[in-house]
């Protein structure tokens, strides 16, 4: 068995290119972290792909920006199909011209499962980072993923264990956010950086325009009610992208609600500086868990998607008990979730007040968040994944790549 160094040099001799494909803001962040780890291993590596600001900052040559692609539910996705199809064709063209040693796709199965199948038929190697969690309960789907890619990189222990139970090799080192949070400012430093004095409430209504439109008015109403009892309360509203910040400012008008601060990015700092977070489900919920900040998760679809969801549930075709990532990590109710019609100011306020005050409800969540932190692993995750990606790009099989990353 060759060493790590010999495998890496074999792959680097001809000057390598790796493509990273992220279709939404959370994927962009994870791809950016992976890009930095890959560059630490090989400064001469060329990185290309599709994503956003985080990938660009990490030195990835972007063919297209994808921050406007993500949607919630099939109804809202229908209007985007023509544009997404054109983007998909452009992606295929770039990849066929570039012919990278490896293409790494992140999440977004509706787009990326089609793309990796196309690339496999044309002899190009691929890896799936953050394979769809919803597919991990279906052995047929899991085998389908494995049949289309050269490597699967899991971020959740439960998913990795399910692949292992089927004899399908996967890489699992923990969740990459564990690395980021490990090096992030703590509560006091975050408050100092942001200039926060007194209590703070973080509002994260999502990175998609649809999420913000459905959730932000309710979040702001609840924050205003809480501020009546907490006159010094600062309401922190971080925006993932500049276009999203512009849309939010347009929604709110020239006079912002009292106590509200709109931040450009800085979601992690806003969470660390806050006593409580009110948010859409998504990767931000894992950041909040890793920071030990209690939270309430809310989700609202548009009318068409809500009606479709009710129909599928009535027919027994939709079986979703929980949607929050901290709850999925431990497979039990850790963080309260409000869905659709439940996302009303009175209901949200009642839960927020329970979590805001000292007491058994808040204490129980803090203890559970510590268990989530343990399940997500410690630092060194992204470097481990970068080693596997490096070996896959050099031509190793998944089994060989995993063997070479063992201590």
Protein backbone atom coordinates (compact mmCIF):
# COMPACT_ATOMS: atom_id res chain seq x y z
CA UNK A 1 0.00 0.00 0.00
CA UNK A 2 1.48 3.39 -1.01
CA UNK A 3 1.78 6.34 1.30
CA UNK A 4 -0.36 9.46 1.32
CA UNK A 5 2.51 11.48 -0.08
CA UNK A 6 3.09 9.13 -3.03
CA UNK A 7 -0.60 9.11 -3.93
CA UNK A 8 -0.84 12.89 -3.74
CA UNK A 9 2.26 13.46 -5.86
CA UNK A 10 0.99 10.97 -8.45
CA UNK A 11 -2.24 12.98 -8.79
CA UNK A 12 -0.52 16.36 -8.84
CA UNK A 13 2.09 15.62 -11.45
CA UNK A 14 -0.05 16.65 -14.42
CA UNK A 15 -1.62 19.69 -12.73
CA UNK A 16 -5.03 18.83 -11.40
CA UNK A 17 -8.45 20.45 -11.56
CA UNK A 18 -11.30 19.71 -9.16
CA UNK A 19 -14.82 21.05 -9.72
CA UNK A 20 -17.09 21.97 -6.80
CA UNK A 21 -20.83 22.34 -7.46
CA UNK A 22 -23.03 24.06 -4.85
CA UNK A 23 -26.62 25.01 -5.67
CA UNK A 24 -27.54 27.01 -2.55
CA UNK A 25 -25.91 29.26 0.10
CA UNK A 26 -25.32 26.52 2.69
CA UNK A 27 -23.59 24.38 0.08
CA UNK A 28 -21.49 27.36 -0.96
CA UNK A 29 -20.21 27.72 2.62
CA UNK A 30 -19.30 24.04 2.90
CA UNK A 31 -17.68 24.00 -0.54
CA UNK A 32 -15.68 27.10 0.39
CA UNK A 33 -14.33 25.37 3.50
CA UNK A 34 -13.45 22.26 1.48
CA UNK A 35 -11.73 24.41 -1.16
CA UNK A 36 -9.49 26.01 1.47
CA UNK A 37 -8.55 22.59 2.88
CA UNK A 38 -7.75 21.28 -0.61
CA UNK A 39 -5.57 24.30 -1.31
CA UNK A 40 -3.68 23.74 1.93
CA UNK A 41 -2.79 20.28 0.63
CA UNK A 42 -1.92 21.45 -2.87
CA UNK A 43 -1.45 25.21 -3.45
CA UNK A 44 -1.17 24.58 -7.21
CA UNK A 45 -4.57 22.87 -7.40
CA UNK A 46 -7.03 24.53 -9.76
CA UNK A 47 -10.58 24.76 -8.40
CA UNK A 48 -13.55 25.58 -10.61
CA UNK A 49 -17.31 25.27 -10.32
CA UNK A 50 -20.65 26.79 -9.41
CA UNK A 51 -21.47 28.49 -6.12
CA UNK A 52 -21.29 31.83 -4.38
CA UNK A 53 -19.24 34.27 -2.35
CA UNK A 54 -17.67 31.73 0.03
CA UNK A 55 -16.31 29.65 -2.84
CA UNK A 56 -15.05 32.73 -4.67
CA UNK A 57 -13.28 33.90 -1.50
CA UNK A 58 -11.60 30.48 -1.27
CA UNK A 59 -10.16 30.89 -4.76
CA UNK A 60 -12.67 28.86 -6.79
CA UNK A 61 -13.12 30.05 -10.39
CA UNK A 62 -16.90 30.37 -10.65
CA UNK A 63 -18.62 29.59 -13.93
CA UNK A 64 -21.97 30.70 -12.51
CA UNK A 65 -23.38 32.02 -9.25
CA UNK A 66 -26.16 29.91 -7.73
CA UNK A 67 -27.48 32.02 -4.84
CA UNK A 68 -30.79 32.65 -6.65
CA UNK A 69 -31.46 29.00 -7.56
CA UNK A 70 -32.71 27.53 -4.28
CA UNK A 71 -36.44 27.15 -3.74
CA UNK A 72 -38.81 25.71 -1.15
CA UNK A 73 -41.27 23.07 -2.28
CA UNK A 74 -42.27 21.87 -5.75
CA UNK A 75 -44.77 24.66 -6.37
CA UNK A 76 -42.22 27.44 -5.99
CA UNK A 77 -39.67 25.40 -7.94
CA UNK A 78 -41.91 25.18 -11.03
CA UNK A 79 -41.37 28.83 -11.94
CA UNK A 80 -37.60 28.31 -11.88
CA UNK A 81 -37.46 25.20 -14.06
CA UNK A 82 -36.63 26.96 -17.37
CA UNK A 83 -33.77 28.96 -15.84
CA UNK A 84 -32.44 25.98 -13.91
CA UNK A 85 -32.51 23.80 -17.02
CA UNK A 86 -30.44 26.36 -18.93
CA UNK A 87 -28.02 26.54 -16.00
CA UNK A 88 -27.80 22.74 -15.95
CA UNK A 89 -26.90 22.65 -19.64
CA UNK A 90 -24.23 25.30 -19.09
CA UNK A 91 -22.81 23.29 -16.18
CA UNK A 92 -22.59 20.19 -18.37
CA UNK A 93 -20.82 22.17 -21.08
CA UNK A 94 -18.24 23.61 -18.70
CA UNK A 95 -17.52 20.20 -17.16
CA UNK A 96 -17.14 18.48 -20.54
CA UNK A 97 -14.74 21.17 -21.75
CA UNK A 98 -12.77 21.26 -18.50
CA UNK A 99 -12.83 17.50 -17.76
CA UNK A 100 -11.70 17.85 -14.12
CA UNK A 101 -10.07 14.93 -12.32
CA UNK A 102 -13.03 14.97 -9.91
CA UNK A 103 -16.36 16.79 -9.62
CA UNK A 104 -17.73 17.16 -6.09
CA UNK A 105 -21.46 17.95 -5.85
CA UNK A 106 -23.14 19.15 -2.66
CA UNK A 107 -26.72 18.28 -1.66
CA UNK A 108 -29.46 19.44 -4.17
CA UNK A 109 -30.35 15.90 -5.38
CA UNK A 110 -32.92 17.03 -7.96
CA UNK A 111 -30.10 18.74 -9.87
CA UNK A 112 -27.01 16.82 -8.89
CA UNK A 113 -28.22 13.22 -9.23
CA UNK A 114 -28.98 13.99 -12.85
CA UNK A 115 -25.61 15.70 -13.28
CA UNK A 116 -23.48 12.90 -11.78
CA UNK A 117 -25.28 10.32 -13.91
CA UNK A 118 -24.49 12.39 -17.01
CA UNK A 119 -20.83 12.73 -16.01
CA UNK A 120 -20.45 9.02 -15.23
CA UNK A 121 -21.69 8.08 -18.70
CA UNK A 122 -18.94 10.29 -20.10
CA UNK A 123 -16.17 8.80 -17.99
CA UNK A 124 -15.77 11.63 -15.49
CA UNK A 125 -15.23 10.87 -11.79
CA UNK A 126 -17.56 12.36 -9.18
CA UNK A 127 -18.15 12.47 -5.43
CA UNK A 128 -21.30 13.37 -3.49
CA UNK A 129 -20.72 15.57 -0.44
CA UNK A 130 -23.79 15.92 1.81
CA UNK A 131 -25.83 13.19 0.07
CA UNK A 132 -29.57 13.78 0.57
CA UNK A 133 -30.56 12.78 4.11
CA UNK A 134 -34.12 12.06 3.01
CA UNK A 135 -32.80 9.25 0.80
CA UNK A 136 -30.91 7.54 3.62
CA UNK A 137 -34.04 5.73 4.83
CA UNK A 138 -34.42 3.99 1.49
CA UNK A 139 -31.80 1.31 0.67
CA UNK A 140 -32.69 1.43 -3.04
CA UNK A 141 -32.00 5.17 -3.13
CA UNK A 142 -28.72 4.73 -1.27
CA UNK A 143 -27.57 2.09 -3.74
CA UNK A 144 -28.61 4.44 -6.55
CA UNK A 145 -26.36 7.20 -5.21
CA UNK A 146 -23.44 4.78 -4.91
CA UNK A 147 -23.98 3.49 -8.45
CA UNK A 148 -23.60 6.98 -9.93
CA UNK A 149 -20.59 8.37 -8.04
CA UNK A 150 -17.05 7.33 -7.14
CA UNK A 151 -17.28 8.51 -3.54
CA UNK A 152 -19.83 9.48 -0.90
CA UNK A 153 -18.89 11.95 1.86
CA UNK A 154 -21.36 12.04 4.79
CA UNK A 155 -21.66 14.79 7.39
CA UNK A 156 -24.03 12.98 9.77
CA UNK A 157 -23.12 9.89 11.77
CA UNK A 158 -26.59 8.33 11.41
CA UNK A 159 -26.42 8.56 7.62
CA UNK A 160 -22.93 7.08 7.53
CA UNK A 161 -24.05 4.17 9.72
CA UNK A 162 -26.93 3.42 7.35
CA UNK A 163 -24.55 3.26 4.38
CA UNK A 164 -22.20 1.05 6.40
CA UNK A 165 -25.07 -1.31 7.23
CA UNK A 166 -25.55 -1.88 3.49
CA UNK A 167 -21.85 -2.49 2.93
CA UNK A 168 -21.47 0.78 0.99
CA UNK A 169 -18.17 2.59 1.71
CA UNK A 170 -18.54 6.22 2.83
CA UNK A 171 -16.28 8.85 4.35
CA UNK A 172 -17.37 10.25 7.71
CA UNK A 173 -15.23 12.45 9.94
CA UNK A 174 -18.01 14.52 11.54
CA UNK A 175 -19.83 17.66 10.46
CA UNK A 176 -17.64 20.39 8.91
CA UNK A 177 -19.30 23.08 11.00
CA UNK A 178 -17.50 21.56 13.99
CA UNK A 179 -14.26 22.92 12.53
CA UNK A 180 -15.66 26.38 11.97
CA UNK A 181 -17.30 26.71 15.37
CA UNK A 182 -14.16 25.44 17.10
CA UNK A 183 -12.27 28.48 15.78
CA UNK A 184 -15.13 31.00 16.13
CA UNK A 185 -15.41 33.77 18.74
CA UNK A 186 -17.23 32.93 21.96
CA UNK A 187 -20.23 34.87 23.32
CA UNK A 188 -18.31 37.71 24.96
CA UNK A 189 -15.98 38.25 22.01
CA UNK A 190 -18.90 38.13 19.55
CA UNK A 191 -20.81 40.72 21.57
CA UNK A 192 -17.74 42.96 21.64
CA UNK A 193 -17.17 42.64 17.88
CA UNK A 194 -20.81 43.49 17.12
CA UNK A 195 -21.08 46.14 19.81
CA UNK A 196 -23.94 44.35 21.54
CA UNK A 197 -24.86 45.59 25.00
CA UNK A 198 -27.66 43.95 26.91
CA UNK A 199 -29.74 40.97 25.74
CA UNK A 200 -29.91 40.02 22.06
CA UNK A 201 -32.29 37.95 19.93
CA UNK A 202 -31.08 36.56 16.59
CA UNK A 203 -33.53 36.33 13.68
CA UNK A 204 -32.55 34.03 10.82
CA UNK A 205 -35.58 33.70 8.51
CA UNK A 206 -33.59 31.78 5.90
CA UNK A 207 -31.36 32.47 2.92
CA UNK A 208 -34.10 32.12 0.29
CA UNK A 209 -36.40 34.97 -0.67
CA UNK A 210 -39.46 32.74 -0.21
CA UNK A 211 -38.48 31.82 3.35
CA UNK A 212 -37.93 35.45 4.29
CA UNK A 213 -41.24 36.52 2.81
CA UNK A 214 -43.13 33.83 4.74
CA UNK A 215 -41.31 34.13 8.09
CA UNK A 216 -39.80 37.58 8.65
CA UNK A 217 -43.05 39.49 9.42
CA UNK A 218 -43.96 37.01 12.17
CA UNK A 219 -40.41 37.01 13.55
CA UNK A 220 -40.36 40.82 13.74
CA UNK A 221 -43.76 40.94 15.44
CA UNK A 222 -42.63 38.48 18.12
CA UNK A 223 -39.34 40.37 18.60
CA UNK A 224 -41.26 43.63 19.08
CA UNK A 225 -43.47 42.00 21.72
CA UNK A 226 -40.45 40.63 23.58
CA UNK A 227 -38.79 44.05 23.45
CA UNK A 228 -41.67 45.60 25.38
CA UNK A 229 -40.55 43.56 28.39
CA UNK A 230 -36.85 43.89 27.51
CA UNK A 231 -36.41 47.58 26.53
CA UNK A 232 -32.69 47.17 25.81
CA UNK A 233 -33.18 44.12 23.58
CA UNK A 234 -31.14 44.16 20.39
CA UNK A 235 -32.65 42.29 17.45
CA UNK A 236 -29.93 40.95 15.15
CA UNK A 237 -30.87 40.09 11.56
CA UNK A 238 -27.90 38.73 9.57
CA UNK A 239 -28.27 38.50 5.77
CA UNK A 240 -26.45 35.70 3.95
CA UNK A 241 -25.96 37.60 0.67
CA UNK A 242 -25.99 41.19 -0.58
CA UNK A 243 -29.03 40.58 -2.84
CA UNK A 244 -30.95 39.16 0.13
CA UNK A 245 -30.03 42.17 2.28
CA UNK A 246 -31.29 44.50 -0.44
CA UNK A 247 -34.60 42.62 -0.62
CA UNK A 248 -35.03 42.70 3.15
CA UNK A 249 -34.31 46.43 3.32
CA UNK A 250 -36.81 46.95 0.52
CA UNK A 251 -39.42 44.96 2.47
CA UNK A 252 -38.87 46.97 5.66
CA UNK A 253 -38.66 50.44 4.15
CA UNK A 254 -36.52 53.35 5.29
CA UNK A 255 -37.45 53.19 8.99
CA UNK A 256 -36.36 49.96 10.64
CA UNK A 257 -38.25 48.57 13.65
CA UNK A 258 -36.88 49.78 16.97
CA UNK A 259 -33.90 47.77 18.18
CA UNK A 260 -33.35 46.00 14.83
CA UNK A 261 -29.85 45.74 13.36
CA UNK A 262 -29.38 44.31 9.87
CA UNK A 263 -25.98 42.66 9.50
CA UNK A 264 -24.13 41.84 6.29
CA UNK A 265 -23.31 38.17 6.81
CA UNK A 266 -22.02 37.64 10.37
CA UNK A 267 -24.70 35.05 11.16
CA UNK A 268 -22.32 33.08 13.37
CA UNK A 269 -21.40 36.19 15.35
CA UNK A 270 -25.07 37.12 15.70
CA UNK A 271 -25.86 33.66 17.06
CA UNK A 272 -22.92 33.64 19.47
CA UNK A 273 -23.92 37.07 20.79
CA UNK A 274 -27.58 36.12 21.35
CA UNK A 275 -29.50 34.51 24.17
CA UNK A 276 -31.97 32.90 21.76
CA UNK A 277 -32.41 32.40 18.03
CA UNK A 278 -35.61 32.37 16.00
CA UNK A 279 -34.95 30.77 12.62
CA UNK A 280 -35.94 28.76 9.61
CA UNK A 281 -34.68 25.21 9.60
CA UNK A 282 -31.39 24.68 7.83
CA UNK A 283 -27.66 24.61 8.51
CA UNK A 284 -27.97 27.65 10.79
CA UNK A 285 -29.74 25.41 13.29
CA UNK A 286 -26.60 23.25 13.52
CA UNK A 287 -24.46 26.35 14.02
CA UNK A 288 -26.77 27.43 16.83
CA UNK A 289 -26.55 23.96 18.37
CA UNK A 290 -22.74 23.93 18.17
CA UNK A 291 -22.64 27.38 19.79
CA UNK A 292 -25.01 26.22 22.54
CA UNK A 293 -27.67 28.83 21.71
CA UNK A 294 -31.31 27.73 22.29
CA UNK A 295 -33.59 28.16 19.28
CA UNK A 296 -37.06 27.80 17.82
CA UNK A 297 -37.39 26.47 14.27
CA UNK A 298 -40.18 27.60 11.96
CA UNK A 299 -41.12 26.56 8.45
CA UNK A 300 -43.79 27.93 6.12
CA UNK A 301 -44.52 27.02 2.51
CA UNK A 302 -46.56 28.91 -0.03
CA UNK A 303 -50.27 27.98 -0.43
CA UNK A 304 -49.69 25.59 -3.36
CA UNK A 305 -46.93 23.65 -1.62
CA UNK A 306 -48.86 23.56 1.65
CA UNK A 307 -51.89 22.06 -0.12
CA UNK A 308 -49.68 19.55 -1.92
CA UNK A 309 -48.03 18.56 1.36
CA UNK A 310 -51.39 17.99 3.07
CA UNK A 311 -52.54 15.84 0.14
CA UNK A 312 -49.39 13.70 0.15
CA UNK A 313 -49.62 13.25 3.91
CA UNK A 314 -53.28 12.22 3.69
CA UNK A 315 -52.36 9.64 1.04
CA UNK A 316 -49.58 8.27 3.24
CA UNK A 317 -46.92 9.33 0.74
CA UNK A 318 -45.28 11.87 3.04
CA UNK A 319 -44.00 10.72 6.41
CA UNK A 320 -42.01 13.48 8.07
CA UNK A 321 -41.97 13.54 11.86
CA UNK A 322 -39.37 16.28 12.24
CA UNK A 323 -37.43 18.61 9.95
CA UNK A 324 -34.89 20.39 12.18
CA UNK A 325 -31.31 19.22 11.76
CA UNK A 326 -30.53 19.05 15.52
CA UNK A 327 -33.59 16.82 15.92
CA UNK A 328 -32.52 14.64 13.00
CA UNK A 329 -29.01 14.28 14.43
CA UNK A 330 -30.32 12.75 17.68
CA UNK A 331 -33.49 11.32 16.07
CA UNK A 332 -35.70 12.88 18.75
CA UNK A 333 -37.24 16.23 19.65
CA UNK A 334 -34.44 18.49 20.87
CA UNK A 335 -35.56 21.82 19.41
CA UNK A 336 -39.23 22.88 19.10
CA UNK A 337 -40.53 23.06 15.53
CA UNK A 338 -43.52 25.02 14.25
CA UNK A 339 -44.83 24.22 10.79
CA UNK A 340 -47.13 26.10 8.45
CA UNK A 341 -50.31 27.31 10.24
CA UNK A 342 -48.54 26.99 13.60
CA UNK A 343 -46.23 29.87 12.63
CA UNK A 344 -48.45 32.60 14.08
CA UNK A 345 -47.25 35.42 16.37
CA UNK A 346 -49.10 34.22 19.49
CA UNK A 347 -47.85 30.64 19.16
CA UNK A 348 -44.30 31.66 18.34
CA UNK A 349 -44.23 34.17 21.20
CA UNK A 350 -45.34 31.55 23.73
CA UNK A 351 -42.46 29.23 22.80
CA UNK A 352 -39.93 32.07 22.66
CA UNK A 353 -40.83 33.24 26.16
CA UNK A 354 -40.43 29.70 27.53
CA UNK A 355 -36.94 29.45 26.08
CA UNK A 356 -35.94 33.01 26.96
CA UNK A 357 -36.38 32.72 30.71
CA UNK A 358 -34.24 30.64 33.04
CA UNK A 359 -35.94 27.37 33.92
CA UNK A 360 -36.27 23.66 33.15
CA UNK A 361 -37.30 24.12 29.50
CA UNK A 362 -34.21 26.17 28.65
CA UNK A 363 -31.94 23.96 30.79
CA UNK A 364 -33.19 20.81 29.06
CA UNK A 365 -32.49 22.26 25.63
CA UNK A 366 -28.98 23.37 26.63
CA UNK A 367 -28.22 19.83 27.81
CA UNK A 368 -29.57 18.36 24.56
CA UNK A 369 -27.55 20.80 22.45
CA UNK A 370 -24.42 19.54 24.20
CA UNK A 371 -25.35 16.03 23.03
CA UNK A 372 -25.79 17.31 19.47
CA UNK A 373 -22.31 18.85 19.67
CA UNK A 374 -20.86 15.50 20.71
CA UNK A 375 -22.64 13.69 17.86
CA UNK A 376 -21.30 16.13 15.25
CA UNK A 377 -17.67 15.41 16.10
CA UNK A 378 -14.64 17.53 16.85
CA UNK A 379 -12.20 19.61 14.80
CA UNK A 380 -10.27 18.23 11.82
CA UNK A 381 -13.35 17.23 9.82
CA UNK A 382 -12.71 19.21 6.64
CA UNK A 383 -9.04 18.24 6.47
CA UNK A 384 -10.05 14.58 6.66
CA UNK A 385 -12.58 15.03 3.87
CA UNK A 386 -10.01 16.91 1.78
CA UNK A 387 -7.65 13.92 2.02
CA UNK A 388 -10.36 11.61 0.66
CA UNK A 389 -11.20 14.05 -2.15
CA UNK A 390 -7.50 14.36 -2.96
CA UNK A 391 -7.11 10.59 -3.28
CA UNK A 392 -10.29 10.22 -5.34
CA UNK A 393 -9.03 12.91 -7.72
CA UNK A 394 -5.75 10.98 -8.00
CA UNK A 395 -7.68 7.92 -9.22
CA UNK A 396 -8.10 5.88 -6.04
CA UNK A 397 -11.28 3.94 -5.39
CA UNK A 398 -13.33 4.93 -2.36
CA UNK A 399 -12.07 1.90 -0.45
CA UNK A 400 -8.45 2.81 -1.24
CA UNK A 401 -9.00 6.46 -0.29
CA UNK A 402 -10.52 5.50 3.05
CA UNK A 403 -7.68 3.08 3.80
CA UNK A 404 -5.12 5.82 3.16
CA UNK A 405 -6.83 8.22 5.58
CA UNK A 406 -6.79 5.79 8.49
CA UNK A 407 -4.52 6.87 11.39
